[in-house]
Amino acid sequence: RSKQWYQRRVRGDHEIMAEYKLLCNNVSSGLYVAPSPRTLQVWNGVLFIKIGLFADGCFKFNLIIPDDFPYSRPAVKFLTPVFHPQVRDNGELNLAKAFPTWTPRRDRIWHVLRYTKRCFFSVNTLDSVNCVAAAAIQESIETFKTHARQCVHESIRLNFEEPMEEDGGNLFSCKLLNDTQISILKDKVTSGSLDYDSLFQ
Protein backbone atom coordinates (compact mmCIF):
# COMPACT_ATOMS: atom_id res chain seq x y z
CA ARG A 1 0.00 0.00 0.00
CA SER A 2 1.16 3.50 -0.79
CA LYS A 3 2.47 6.12 1.60
CA GLN A 4 -0.58 8.26 0.77
CA TRP A 5 -2.90 5.43 1.84
CA TYR A 6 -1.19 5.19 5.24
CA GLN A 7 -1.30 8.96 5.66
CA ARG A 8 -5.04 8.96 4.94
CA ARG A 9 -5.55 6.08 7.37
CA VAL A 10 -3.66 7.89 10.15
CA ARG A 11 -5.75 11.03 9.58
CA GLY A 12 -8.89 8.90 9.54
CA ASP A 13 -7.95 7.21 12.82
CA HIS A 14 -7.30 10.63 14.36
CA GLU A 15 -10.80 11.75 13.28
CA ILE A 16 -12.31 8.62 14.80
CA MET A 17 -10.56 9.05 18.15
CA ALA A 18 -11.64 12.70 18.23
CA GLU A 19 -15.22 11.49 17.75
CA TYR A 20 -14.84 9.03 20.60
CA LYS A 21 -13.64 11.80 22.88
CA LEU A 22 -16.71 13.86 21.93
CA LEU A 23 -18.90 10.84 22.66
CA CYS A 24 -17.43 10.57 26.17
CA ASN A 25 -18.59 14.15 26.79
CA ASN A 26 -22.09 13.44 25.45
CA VAL A 27 -23.03 10.19 27.13
CA SER A 28 -26.56 8.76 26.86
CA SER A 29 -27.68 6.72 29.87
CA GLY A 30 -28.03 3.02 29.24
CA LEU A 31 -25.82 3.14 26.13
CA TYR A 32 -22.31 1.70 26.20
CA VAL A 33 -19.90 1.74 23.29
CA ALA A 34 -16.19 1.05 22.76
CA PRO A 35 -13.92 0.64 19.73
CA SER A 36 -13.40 -2.98 18.73
CA PRO A 37 -9.97 -4.42 19.57
CA ARG A 38 -9.74 -5.45 15.90
CA THR A 39 -10.25 -2.08 14.23
CA LEU A 40 -11.10 1.51 15.11
CA GLN A 41 -13.65 1.51 12.30
CA VAL A 42 -16.00 -0.78 14.20
CA TRP A 43 -17.41 0.23 17.58
CA ASN A 44 -19.13 -2.40 19.70
CA GLY A 45 -22.18 -1.25 21.58
CA VAL A 46 -25.01 -2.36 23.81
CA LEU A 47 -28.17 -0.48 24.69
CA PHE A 48 -30.25 -1.16 27.79
CA ILE A 49 -33.83 0.13 27.57
CA LYS A 50 -35.50 0.86 30.89
CA ILE A 51 -38.95 2.16 29.94
CA GLY A 52 -41.43 2.09 27.07
CA LEU A 53 -42.42 -0.59 24.57
CA PHE A 54 -38.93 -2.13 24.62
CA ALA A 55 -38.40 -1.95 28.40
CA ASP A 56 -35.88 -4.46 29.78
CA GLY A 57 -34.38 -5.04 26.35
CA CYS A 58 -30.63 -5.54 25.98
CA PHE A 59 -29.70 -4.78 22.38
CA LYS A 60 -26.21 -5.33 21.01
CA PHE A 61 -25.08 -3.43 17.93
CA ASN A 62 -22.04 -2.48 15.91
CA LEU A 63 -21.35 1.00 14.60
CA ILE A 64 -19.41 0.76 11.33
CA ILE A 65 -17.31 3.75 10.29
CA PRO A 66 -16.58 4.04 6.54
CA ASP A 67 -13.11 4.48 5.05
CA ASP A 68 -13.90 8.03 3.93
CA PHE A 69 -15.17 9.19 7.34
CA PRO A 70 -15.91 12.00 8.24
CA TYR A 71 -17.16 12.66 4.70
CA SER A 72 -19.87 10.01 4.83
CA ARG A 73 -22.04 8.78 7.67
CA PRO A 74 -21.44 5.64 9.71
CA ALA A 75 -23.89 2.73 9.84
CA VAL A 76 -25.55 1.05 12.81
CA LYS A 77 -26.32 -2.66 12.67
CA PHE A 78 -28.12 -4.44 15.49
CA LEU A 79 -26.88 -7.91 16.36
CA THR A 80 -29.94 -8.77 18.45
CA PRO A 81 -33.37 -8.67 16.76
CA VAL A 82 -35.17 -5.32 16.79
CA PHE A 83 -38.78 -5.23 15.55
CA HIS A 84 -39.09 -1.60 14.49
CA PRO A 85 -40.28 0.31 11.40
CA GLN A 86 -36.83 1.92 11.01
CA VAL A 87 -34.78 -1.28 11.37
CA ARG A 88 -34.31 -3.54 8.35
CA ASP A 89 -34.57 -7.33 8.55
CA ASN A 90 -30.75 -7.55 8.53
CA GLY A 91 -30.57 -5.33 11.65
CA GLU A 92 -29.46 -2.15 9.89
CA LEU A 93 -30.94 1.06 11.31
CA ASN A 94 -32.34 3.51 8.78
CA LEU A 95 -30.09 6.53 9.32
CA ALA A 96 -31.11 8.22 6.06
CA LYS A 97 -34.29 9.40 7.79
CA ALA A 98 -32.43 11.37 10.46
CA PHE A 99 -29.30 12.15 8.42
CA PRO A 100 -30.32 12.51 4.76
CA THR A 101 -27.01 14.25 4.19
CA TRP A 102 -23.87 14.02 6.28
CA THR A 103 -21.86 17.17 6.95
CA PRO A 104 -18.29 16.55 8.15
CA ARG A 105 -17.55 17.82 11.67
CA ARG A 106 -21.09 19.12 12.08
CA ASP A 107 -22.82 15.74 12.13
CA ARG A 108 -21.22 13.58 14.80
CA ILE A 109 -21.16 9.94 15.80
CA TRP A 110 -22.69 10.81 19.17
CA HIS A 111 -25.64 12.29 17.25
CA VAL A 112 -26.08 8.92 15.51
CA LEU A 113 -25.97 7.06 18.82
CA ARG A 114 -28.43 9.44 20.44
CA TYR A 115 -30.80 8.90 17.50
CA THR A 116 -30.31 5.12 17.82
CA LYS A 117 -31.50 5.24 21.42
CA ARG A 118 -34.41 7.56 20.63
CA CYS A 119 -35.76 5.10 18.08
CA PHE A 120 -36.75 2.79 20.92
CA PHE A 121 -39.10 5.47 22.23
CA SER A 122 -40.55 6.43 18.85
CA VAL A 123 -42.18 4.04 16.39
CA ASN A 124 -42.62 6.45 13.49
CA THR A 125 -43.81 4.61 10.37
CA LEU A 126 -43.03 7.47 7.96
CA ASP A 127 -40.43 6.28 5.41
CA SER A 128 -40.28 2.92 7.16
CA VAL A 129 -37.84 0.25 5.98
CA ASN A 130 -39.58 -2.62 7.77
CA CYS A 131 -43.05 -3.01 6.28
CA VAL A 132 -44.05 -5.80 8.69
CA ALA A 133 -43.34 -3.65 11.75
CA ALA A 134 -45.07 -0.65 10.16
CA ALA A 135 -48.13 -2.77 9.34
CA ALA A 136 -48.26 -4.10 12.91
CA ILE A 137 -48.46 -0.54 14.25
CA GLN A 138 -51.14 0.45 11.76
CA GLU A 139 -53.14 -2.67 12.58
CA SER A 140 -53.07 -2.10 16.35
CA ILE A 141 -50.63 -0.72 18.89
CA GLU A 142 -51.40 -3.81 20.99
CA THR A 143 -50.22 -6.00 18.12
CA PHE A 144 -47.00 -4.04 17.95
CA LYS A 145 -46.56 -4.22 21.74
CA THR A 146 -46.77 -8.01 21.55
CA HIS A 147 -44.07 -8.11 18.88
CA ALA A 148 -41.93 -5.65 20.87
CA ARG A 149 -42.14 -7.80 24.01
CA GLN A 150 -41.14 -10.89 22.01
CA CYS A 151 -38.22 -8.89 20.67
CA VAL A 152 -37.16 -7.94 24.22
CA HIS A 153 -37.32 -11.53 25.45
CA GLU A 154 -35.32 -12.72 22.45
CA SER A 155 -32.68 -10.03 23.04
CA ILE A 156 -32.21 -11.22 26.61
CA ARG A 157 -32.13 -14.89 25.63
CA LEU A 158 -29.54 -14.33 22.90
CA ASN A 159 -27.35 -12.12 25.07
CA PHE A 160 -27.26 -14.44 28.04
CA GLU A 161 -27.80 -17.94 26.69
CA GLU A 162 -26.17 -18.21 23.26
CA PRO A 163 -22.90 -17.13 21.68
CA MET A 164 -23.81 -14.87 18.78
CA GLU A 165 -22.34 -15.82 15.42
CA GLU A 166 -22.62 -12.32 13.99
CA ASP A 167 -21.28 -10.27 16.87
CA GLY A 168 -17.76 -10.26 15.42
CA GLY A 169 -16.19 -10.34 18.86
CA ASN A 170 -18.47 -7.72 20.40
CA LEU A 171 -16.87 -6.60 23.66
CA PHE A 172 -20.15 -6.60 25.54
CA SER A 173 -20.65 -10.22 26.50
CA CYS A 174 -23.06 -11.10 29.27
CA LYS A 175 -23.20 -13.79 31.92
CA LEU A 176 -26.09 -14.66 34.20
CA LEU A 177 -24.94 -15.09 37.79
CA ASN A 178 -26.81 -16.75 40.62
CA ASP A 179 -27.02 -15.17 44.09
CA THR A 180 -23.97 -17.09 45.35
CA GLN A 181 -21.82 -15.99 42.40
CA ILE A 182 -22.92 -12.38 42.85
CA SER A 183 -22.01 -12.49 46.55
CA ILE A 184 -18.55 -13.93 45.79
CA LEU A 185 -18.00 -11.31 43.10
CA LYS A 186 -18.95 -8.48 45.47
CA ASP A 187 -16.55 -9.79 48.12
CA LYS A 188 -13.70 -9.93 45.59
CA VAL A 189 -14.40 -6.42 44.32
CA THR A 190 -14.53 -5.08 47.87
CA SER A 191 -11.29 -6.81 48.89
CA GLY A 192 -9.49 -5.87 45.66
CA SER A 193 -8.78 -9.51 44.80
CA LEU A 194 -10.88 -9.72 41.63
CA ASP A 195 -9.14 -11.19 38.58
CA TYR A 196 -10.72 -9.06 35.83
CA ASP A 197 -9.40 -11.33 33.08
CA SER A 198 -11.57 -14.15 34.44
CA LEU A 199 -14.70 -12.09 33.71
CA PHE A 200 -14.08 -12.37 29.98
CA GLN A 201 -13.46 -16.09 29.79
C-alpha atoms as a PDB file:
ATOM      1  CA  ARG A   1       0.000   0.000   0.000  1.00  0.00           C
ATOM      2  CA  SER A   2       1.156   3.503  -0.790  1.00  0.00           C
ATOM      3  CA  LYS A   3       2.468   6.115   1.596  1.00  0.00           C
ATOM      4  CA  GLN A   4      -0.576   8.259   0.769  1.00  0.00           C
ATOM      5  CA  TRP A   5      -2.898   5.430   1.840  1.00  0.00           C
ATOM      6  CA  TYR A   6      -1.192   5.189   5.239  1.00  0.00           C
ATOM      7  CA  GLN A   7      -1.298   8.957   5.661  1.00  0.00           C
ATOM      8  CA  ARG A   8      -5.043   8.964   4.942  1.00  0.00           C
ATOM      9  CA  ARG A   9      -5.548   6.078   7.367  1.00  0.00           C
ATOM     10  CA  VAL A  10      -3.660   7.894  10.145  1.00  0.00           C
ATOM     11  CA  ARG A  11      -5.748  11.027   9.575  1.00  0.00           C
ATOM     12  CA  GLY A  12      -8.886   8.897   9.537  1.00  0.00           C
ATOM     13  CA  ASP A  13      -7.950   7.213  12.820  1.00  0.00           C
ATOM     14  CA  HIS A  14      -7.299  10.633  14.357  1.00  0.00           C
ATOM     15  CA  GLU A  15     -10.802  11.753  13.278  1.00  0.00           C
ATOM     16  CA  ILE A  16     -12.313   8.618  14.800  1.00  0.00           C
ATOM     17  CA  MET A  17     -10.563   9.055  18.151  1.00  0.00           C
ATOM     18  CA  ALA A  18     -11.640  12.703  18.227  1.00  0.00           C
ATOM     19  CA  GLU A  19     -15.222  11.486  17.746  1.00  0.00           C
ATOM     20  CA  TYR A  20     -14.839   9.029  20.597  1.00  0.00           C
ATOM     21  CA  LYS A  21     -13.639  11.802  22.883  1.00  0.00           C
ATOM     22  CA  LEU A  22     -16.711  13.859  21.929  1.00  0.00           C
ATOM     23  CA  LEU A  23     -18.896  10.844  22.665  1.00  0.00           C
ATOM     24  CA  CYS A  24     -17.428  10.569  26.167  1.00  0.00           C
ATOM     25  CA  ASN A  25     -18.587  14.147  26.786  1.00  0.00           C
ATOM     26  CA  ASN A  26     -22.087  13.442  25.450  1.00  0.00           C
ATOM     27  CA  VAL A  27     -23.033  10.185  27.131  1.00  0.00           C
ATOM     28  CA  SER A  28     -26.562   8.759  26.862  1.00  0.00           C
ATOM     29  CA  SER A  29     -27.685   6.720  29.866  1.00  0.00           C
ATOM     30  CA  GLY A  30     -28.033   3.017  29.238  1.00  0.00           C
ATOM     31  CA  LEU A  31     -25.824   3.141  26.133  1.00  0.00           C
ATOM     32  CA  TYR A  32     -22.312   1.705  26.203  1.00  0.00           C
ATOM     33  CA  VAL A  33     -19.896   1.739  23.290  1.00  0.00           C
ATOM     34  CA  ALA A  34     -16.188   1.053  22.760  1.00  0.00           C
ATOM     35  CA  PRO A  35     -13.920   0.645  19.731  1.00  0.00           C
ATOM     36  CA  SER A  36     -13.404  -2.975  18.732  1.00  0.00           C
ATOM     37  CA  PRO A  37      -9.971  -4.421  19.567  1.00  0.00           C
ATOM     38  CA  ARG A  38      -9.738  -5.449  15.902  1.00  0.00           C
ATOM     39  CA  THR A  39     -10.248  -2.081  14.226  1.00  0.00           C
ATOM     40  CA  LEU A  40     -11.103   1.509  15.109  1.00  0.00           C
ATOM     41  CA  GLN A  41     -13.651   1.507  12.296  1.00  0.00           C
ATOM     42  CA  VAL A  42     -16.004  -0.776  14.205  1.00  0.00           C
ATOM     43  CA  TRP A  43     -17.406   0.233  17.577  1.00  0.00           C
ATOM     44  CA  ASN A  44     -19.127  -2.401  19.701  1.00  0.00           C
ATOM     45  CA  GLY A  45     -22.184  -1.252  21.581  1.00  0.00           C
ATOM     46  CA  VAL A  46     -25.008  -2.361  23.815  1.00  0.00           C
ATOM     47  CA  LEU A  47     -28.173  -0.483  24.687  1.00  0.00           C
ATOM     48  CA  PHE A  48     -30.253  -1.162  27.795  1.00  0.00           C
ATOM     49  CA  ILE A  49     -33.827   0.132  27.565  1.00  0.00           C
ATOM     50  CA  LYS A  50     -35.497   0.857  30.892  1.00  0.00           C
ATOM     51  CA  ILE A  51     -38.953   2.159  29.939  1.00  0.00           C
ATOM     52  CA  GLY A  52     -41.430   2.085  27.072  1.00  0.00           C
ATOM     53  CA  LEU A  53     -42.415  -0.591  24.569  1.00  0.00           C
ATOM     54  CA  PHE A  54     -38.931  -2.130  24.619  1.00  0.00           C
ATOM     55  CA  ALA A  55     -38.404  -1.945  28.397  1.00  0.00           C
ATOM     56  CA  ASP A  56     -35.881  -4.460  29.778  1.00  0.00           C
ATOM     57  CA  GLY A  57     -34.378  -5.044  26.347  1.00  0.00           C
ATOM     58  CA  CYS A  58     -30.626  -5.542  25.976  1.00  0.00           C
ATOM     59  CA  PHE A  59     -29.700  -4.781  22.375  1.00  0.00           C
ATOM     60  CA  LYS A  60     -26.206  -5.333  21.006  1.00  0.00           C
ATOM     61  CA  PHE A  61     -25.081  -3.434  17.932  1.00  0.00           C
ATOM     62  CA  ASN A  62     -22.040  -2.476  15.915  1.00  0.00           C
ATOM     63  CA  LEU A  63     -21.355   1.002  14.597  1.00  0.00           C
ATOM     64  CA  ILE A  64     -19.414   0.765  11.330  1.00  0.00           C
ATOM     65  CA  ILE A  65     -17.305   3.749  10.287  1.00  0.00           C
ATOM     66  CA  PRO A  66     -16.578   4.042   6.540  1.00  0.00           C
ATOM     67  CA  ASP A  67     -13.112   4.479   5.054  1.00  0.00           C
ATOM     68  CA  ASP A  68     -13.900   8.029   3.932  1.00  0.00           C
ATOM     69  CA  PHE A  69     -15.165   9.188   7.337  1.00  0.00           C
ATOM     70  CA  PRO A  70     -15.910  12.002   8.239  1.00  0.00           C
ATOM     71  CA  TYR A  71     -17.156  12.663   4.702  1.00  0.00           C
ATOM     72  CA  SER A  72     -19.870  10.009   4.834  1.00  0.00           C
ATOM     73  CA  ARG A  73     -22.040   8.782   7.666  1.00  0.00           C
ATOM     74  CA  PRO A  74     -21.439   5.636   9.709  1.00  0.00           C
ATOM     75  CA  ALA A  75     -23.891   2.730   9.841  1.00  0.00           C
ATOM     76  CA  VAL A  76     -25.553   1.045  12.812  1.00  0.00           C
ATOM     77  CA  LYS A  77     -26.325  -2.660  12.666  1.00  0.00           C
ATOM     78  CA  PHE A  78     -28.122  -4.440  15.490  1.00  0.00           C
ATOM     79  CA  LEU A  79     -26.880  -7.913  16.360  1.00  0.00           C
ATOM     80  CA  THR A  80     -29.937  -8.766  18.447  1.00  0.00           C
ATOM     81  CA  PRO A  81     -33.370  -8.671  16.760  1.00  0.00           C
ATOM     82  CA  VAL A  82     -35.174  -5.318  16.786  1.00  0.00           C
ATOM     83  CA  PHE A  83     -38.779  -5.233  15.553  1.00  0.00           C
ATOM     84  CA  HIS A  84     -39.091  -1.600  14.491  1.00  0.00           C
ATOM     85  CA  PRO A  85     -40.276   0.309  11.399  1.00  0.00           C
ATOM     86  CA  GLN A  86     -36.835   1.917  11.009  1.00  0.00           C
ATOM     87  CA  VAL A  87     -34.777  -1.285  11.371  1.00  0.00           C
ATOM     88  CA  ARG A  88     -34.305  -3.538   8.355  1.00  0.00           C
ATOM     89  CA  ASP A  89     -34.568  -7.332   8.552  1.00  0.00           C
ATOM     90  CA  ASN A  90     -30.751  -7.552   8.534  1.00  0.00           C
ATOM     91  CA  GLY A  91     -30.572  -5.327  11.647  1.00  0.00           C
ATOM     92  CA  GLU A  92     -29.459  -2.146   9.890  1.00  0.00           C
ATOM     93  CA  LEU A  93     -30.938   1.057  11.307  1.00  0.00           C
ATOM     94  CA  ASN A  94     -32.338   3.513   8.776  1.00  0.00           C
ATOM     95  CA  LEU A  95     -30.095   6.531   9.318  1.00  0.00           C
ATOM     96  CA  ALA A  96     -31.114   8.221   6.062  1.00  0.00           C
ATOM     97  CA  LYS A  97     -34.288   9.404   7.787  1.00  0.00           C
ATOM     98  CA  ALA A  98     -32.430  11.367  10.464  1.00  0.00           C
ATOM     99  CA  PHE A  99     -29.300  12.145   8.415  1.00  0.00           C
ATOM    100  CA  PRO A 100     -30.319  12.507   4.758  1.00  0.00           C
ATOM    101  CA  THR A 101     -27.009  14.253   4.187  1.00  0.00           C
ATOM    102  CA  TRP A 102     -23.872  14.025   6.283  1.00  0.00           C
ATOM    103  CA  THR A 103     -21.863  17.166   6.951  1.00  0.00           C
ATOM    104  CA  PRO A 104     -18.287  16.550   8.150  1.00  0.00           C
ATOM    105  CA  ARG A 105     -17.553  17.822  11.668  1.00  0.00           C
ATOM    106  CA  ARG A 106     -21.089  19.117  12.082  1.00  0.00           C
ATOM    107  CA  ASP A 107     -22.822  15.737  12.128  1.00  0.00           C
ATOM    108  CA  ARG A 108     -21.221  13.582  14.798  1.00  0.00           C
ATOM    109  CA  ILE A 109     -21.164   9.938  15.804  1.00  0.00           C
ATOM    110  CA  TRP A 110     -22.689  10.808  19.171  1.00  0.00           C
ATOM    111  CA  HIS A 111     -25.644  12.295  17.252  1.00  0.00           C
ATOM    112  CA  VAL A 112     -26.078   8.920  15.512  1.00  0.00           C
ATOM    113  CA  LEU A 113     -25.973   7.055  18.817  1.00  0.00           C
ATOM    114  CA  ARG A 114     -28.431   9.444  20.443  1.00  0.00           C
ATOM    115  CA  TYR A 115     -30.797   8.898  17.503  1.00  0.00           C
ATOM    116  CA  THR A 116     -30.308   5.125  17.824  1.00  0.00           C
ATOM    117  CA  LYS A 117     -31.499   5.241  21.417  1.00  0.00           C
ATOM    118  CA  ARG A 118     -34.414   7.563  20.633  1.00  0.00           C
ATOM    119  CA  CYS A 119     -35.755   5.098  18.076  1.00  0.00           C
ATOM    120  CA  PHE A 120     -36.748   2.791  20.916  1.00  0.00           C
ATOM    121  CA  PHE A 121     -39.100   5.474  22.228  1.00  0.00           C
ATOM    122  CA  SER A 122     -40.554   6.432  18.849  1.00  0.00           C
ATOM    123  CA  VAL A 123     -42.185   4.044  16.389  1.00  0.00           C
ATOM    124  CA  ASN A 124     -42.621   6.449  13.493  1.00  0.00           C
ATOM    125  CA  THR A 125     -43.813   4.606  10.366  1.00  0.00           C
ATOM    126  CA  LEU A 126     -43.034   7.466   7.959  1.00  0.00           C
ATOM    127  CA  ASP A 127     -40.427   6.284   5.410  1.00  0.00           C
ATOM    128  CA  SER A 128     -40.282   2.922   7.163  1.00  0.00           C
ATOM    129  CA  VAL A 129     -37.841   0.251   5.981  1.00  0.00           C
ATOM    130  CA  ASN A 130     -39.580  -2.624   7.770  1.00  0.00           C
ATOM    131  CA  CYS A 131     -43.052  -3.005   6.284  1.00  0.00           C
ATOM    132  CA  VAL A 132     -44.047  -5.798   8.689  1.00  0.00           C
ATOM    133  CA  ALA A 133     -43.343  -3.647  11.749  1.00  0.00           C
ATOM    134  CA  ALA A 134     -45.071  -0.646  10.164  1.00  0.00           C
ATOM    135  CA  ALA A 135     -48.126  -2.775   9.337  1.00  0.00           C
ATOM    136  CA  ALA A 136     -48.262  -4.099  12.910  1.00  0.00           C
ATOM    137  CA  ILE A 137     -48.460  -0.536  14.248  1.00  0.00           C
ATOM    138  CA  GLN A 138     -51.136   0.452  11.757  1.00  0.00           C
ATOM    139  CA  GLU A 139     -53.139  -2.666  12.578  1.00  0.00           C
ATOM    140  CA  SER A 140     -53.067  -2.097  16.353  1.00  0.00           C
ATOM    141  CA  ILE A 141     -50.633  -0.718  18.887  1.00  0.00           C
ATOM    142  CA  GLU A 142     -51.401  -3.806  20.993  1.00  0.00           C
ATOM    143  CA  THR A 143     -50.219  -6.001  18.120  1.00  0.00           C
ATOM    144  CA  PHE A 144     -47.005  -4.037  17.949  1.00  0.00           C
ATOM    145  CA  LYS A 145     -46.563  -4.221  21.743  1.00  0.00           C
ATOM    146  CA  THR A 146     -46.774  -8.013  21.549  1.00  0.00           C
ATOM    147  CA  HIS A 147     -44.068  -8.107  18.876  1.00  0.00           C
ATOM    148  CA  ALA A 148     -41.934  -5.650  20.867  1.00  0.00           C
ATOM    149  CA  ARG A 149     -42.144  -7.799  24.012  1.00  0.00           C
ATOM    150  CA  GLN A 150     -41.143 -10.886  22.010  1.00  0.00           C
ATOM    151  CA  CYS A 151     -38.216  -8.894  20.668  1.00  0.00           C
ATOM    152  CA  VAL A 152     -37.165  -7.939  24.216  1.00  0.00           C
ATOM    153  CA  HIS A 153     -37.322 -11.534  25.454  1.00  0.00           C
ATOM    154  CA  GLU A 154     -35.318 -12.719  22.451  1.00  0.00           C
ATOM    155  CA  SER A 155     -32.677 -10.026  23.037  1.00  0.00           C
ATOM    156  CA  ILE A 156     -32.212 -11.223  26.614  1.00  0.00           C
ATOM    157  CA  ARG A 157     -32.128 -14.889  25.633  1.00  0.00           C
ATOM    158  CA  LEU A 158     -29.541 -14.326  22.903  1.00  0.00           C
ATOM    159  CA  ASN A 159     -27.347 -12.122  25.072  1.00  0.00           C
ATOM    160  CA  PHE A 160     -27.257 -14.444  28.044  1.00  0.00           C
ATOM    161  CA  GLU A 161     -27.797 -17.942  26.688  1.00  0.00           C
ATOM    162  CA  GLU A 162     -26.170 -18.210  23.262  1.00  0.00           C
ATOM    163  CA  PRO A 163     -22.896 -17.126  21.680  1.00  0.00           C
ATOM    164  CA  MET A 164     -23.807 -14.869  18.781  1.00  0.00           C
ATOM    165  CA  GLU A 165     -22.339 -15.820  15.420  1.00  0.00           C
ATOM    166  CA  GLU A 166     -22.622 -12.317  13.991  1.00  0.00           C
ATOM    167  CA  ASP A 167     -21.283 -10.271  16.868  1.00  0.00           C
ATOM    168  CA  GLY A 168     -17.762 -10.261  15.424  1.00  0.00           C
ATOM    169  CA  GLY A 169     -16.194 -10.342  18.858  1.00  0.00           C
ATOM    170  CA  ASN A 170     -18.474  -7.717  20.395  1.00  0.00           C
ATOM    171  CA  LEU A 171     -16.871  -6.598  23.657  1.00  0.00           C
ATOM    172  CA  PHE A 172     -20.146  -6.601  25.538  1.00  0.00           C
ATOM    173  CA  SER A 173     -20.645 -10.224  26.502  1.00  0.00           C
ATOM    174  CA  CYS A 174     -23.063 -11.097  29.273  1.00  0.00           C
ATOM    175  CA  LYS A 175     -23.204 -13.787  31.920  1.00  0.00           C
ATOM    176  CA  LEU A 176     -26.090 -14.659  34.196  1.00  0.00           C
ATOM    177  CA  LEU A 177     -24.943 -15.090  37.787  1.00  0.00           C
ATOM    178  CA  ASN A 178     -26.811 -16.753  40.618  1.00  0.00           C
ATOM    179  CA  ASP A 179     -27.019 -15.166  44.086  1.00  0.00           C
ATOM    180  CA  THR A 180     -23.970 -17.085  45.354  1.00  0.00           C
ATOM    181  CA  GLN A 181     -21.819 -15.990  42.397  1.00  0.00           C
ATOM    182  CA  ILE A 182     -22.917 -12.375  42.846  1.00  0.00           C
ATOM    183  CA  SER A 183     -22.012 -12.489  46.550  1.00  0.00           C
ATOM    184  CA  ILE A 184     -18.548 -13.934  45.794  1.00  0.00           C
ATOM    185  CA  LEU A 185     -17.996 -11.308  43.100  1.00  0.00           C
ATOM    186  CA  LYS A 186     -18.955  -8.478  45.472  1.00  0.00           C
ATOM    187  CA  ASP A 187     -16.547  -9.789  48.116  1.00  0.00           C
ATOM    188  CA  LYS A 188     -13.700  -9.931  45.586  1.00  0.00           C
ATOM    189  CA  VAL A 189     -14.402  -6.416  44.317  1.00  0.00           C
ATOM    190  CA  THR A 190     -14.530  -5.076  47.872  1.00  0.00           C
ATOM    191  CA  SER A 191     -11.294  -6.806  48.888  1.00  0.00           C
ATOM    192  CA  GLY A 192      -9.489  -5.874  45.661  1.00  0.00           C
ATOM    193  CA  SER A 193      -8.777  -9.505  44.799  1.00  0.00           C
ATOM    194  CA  LEU A 194     -10.881  -9.716  41.632  1.00  0.00           C
ATOM    195  CA  ASP A 195      -9.136 -11.185  38.583  1.00  0.00           C
ATOM    196  CA  TYR A 196     -10.716  -9.063  35.834  1.00  0.00           C
ATOM    197  CA  ASP A 197      -9.397 -11.331  33.078  1.00  0.00           C
ATOM    198  CA  SER A 198     -11.575 -14.145  34.441  1.00  0.00           C
ATOM    199  CA  LEU A 199     -14.700 -12.090  33.713  1.00  0.00           C
ATOM    200  CA  PHE A 200     -14.084 -12.367  29.976  1.00  0.00           C
ATOM    201  CA  GLN A 201     -13.464 -16.094  29.785  1.00  0.00           C
END
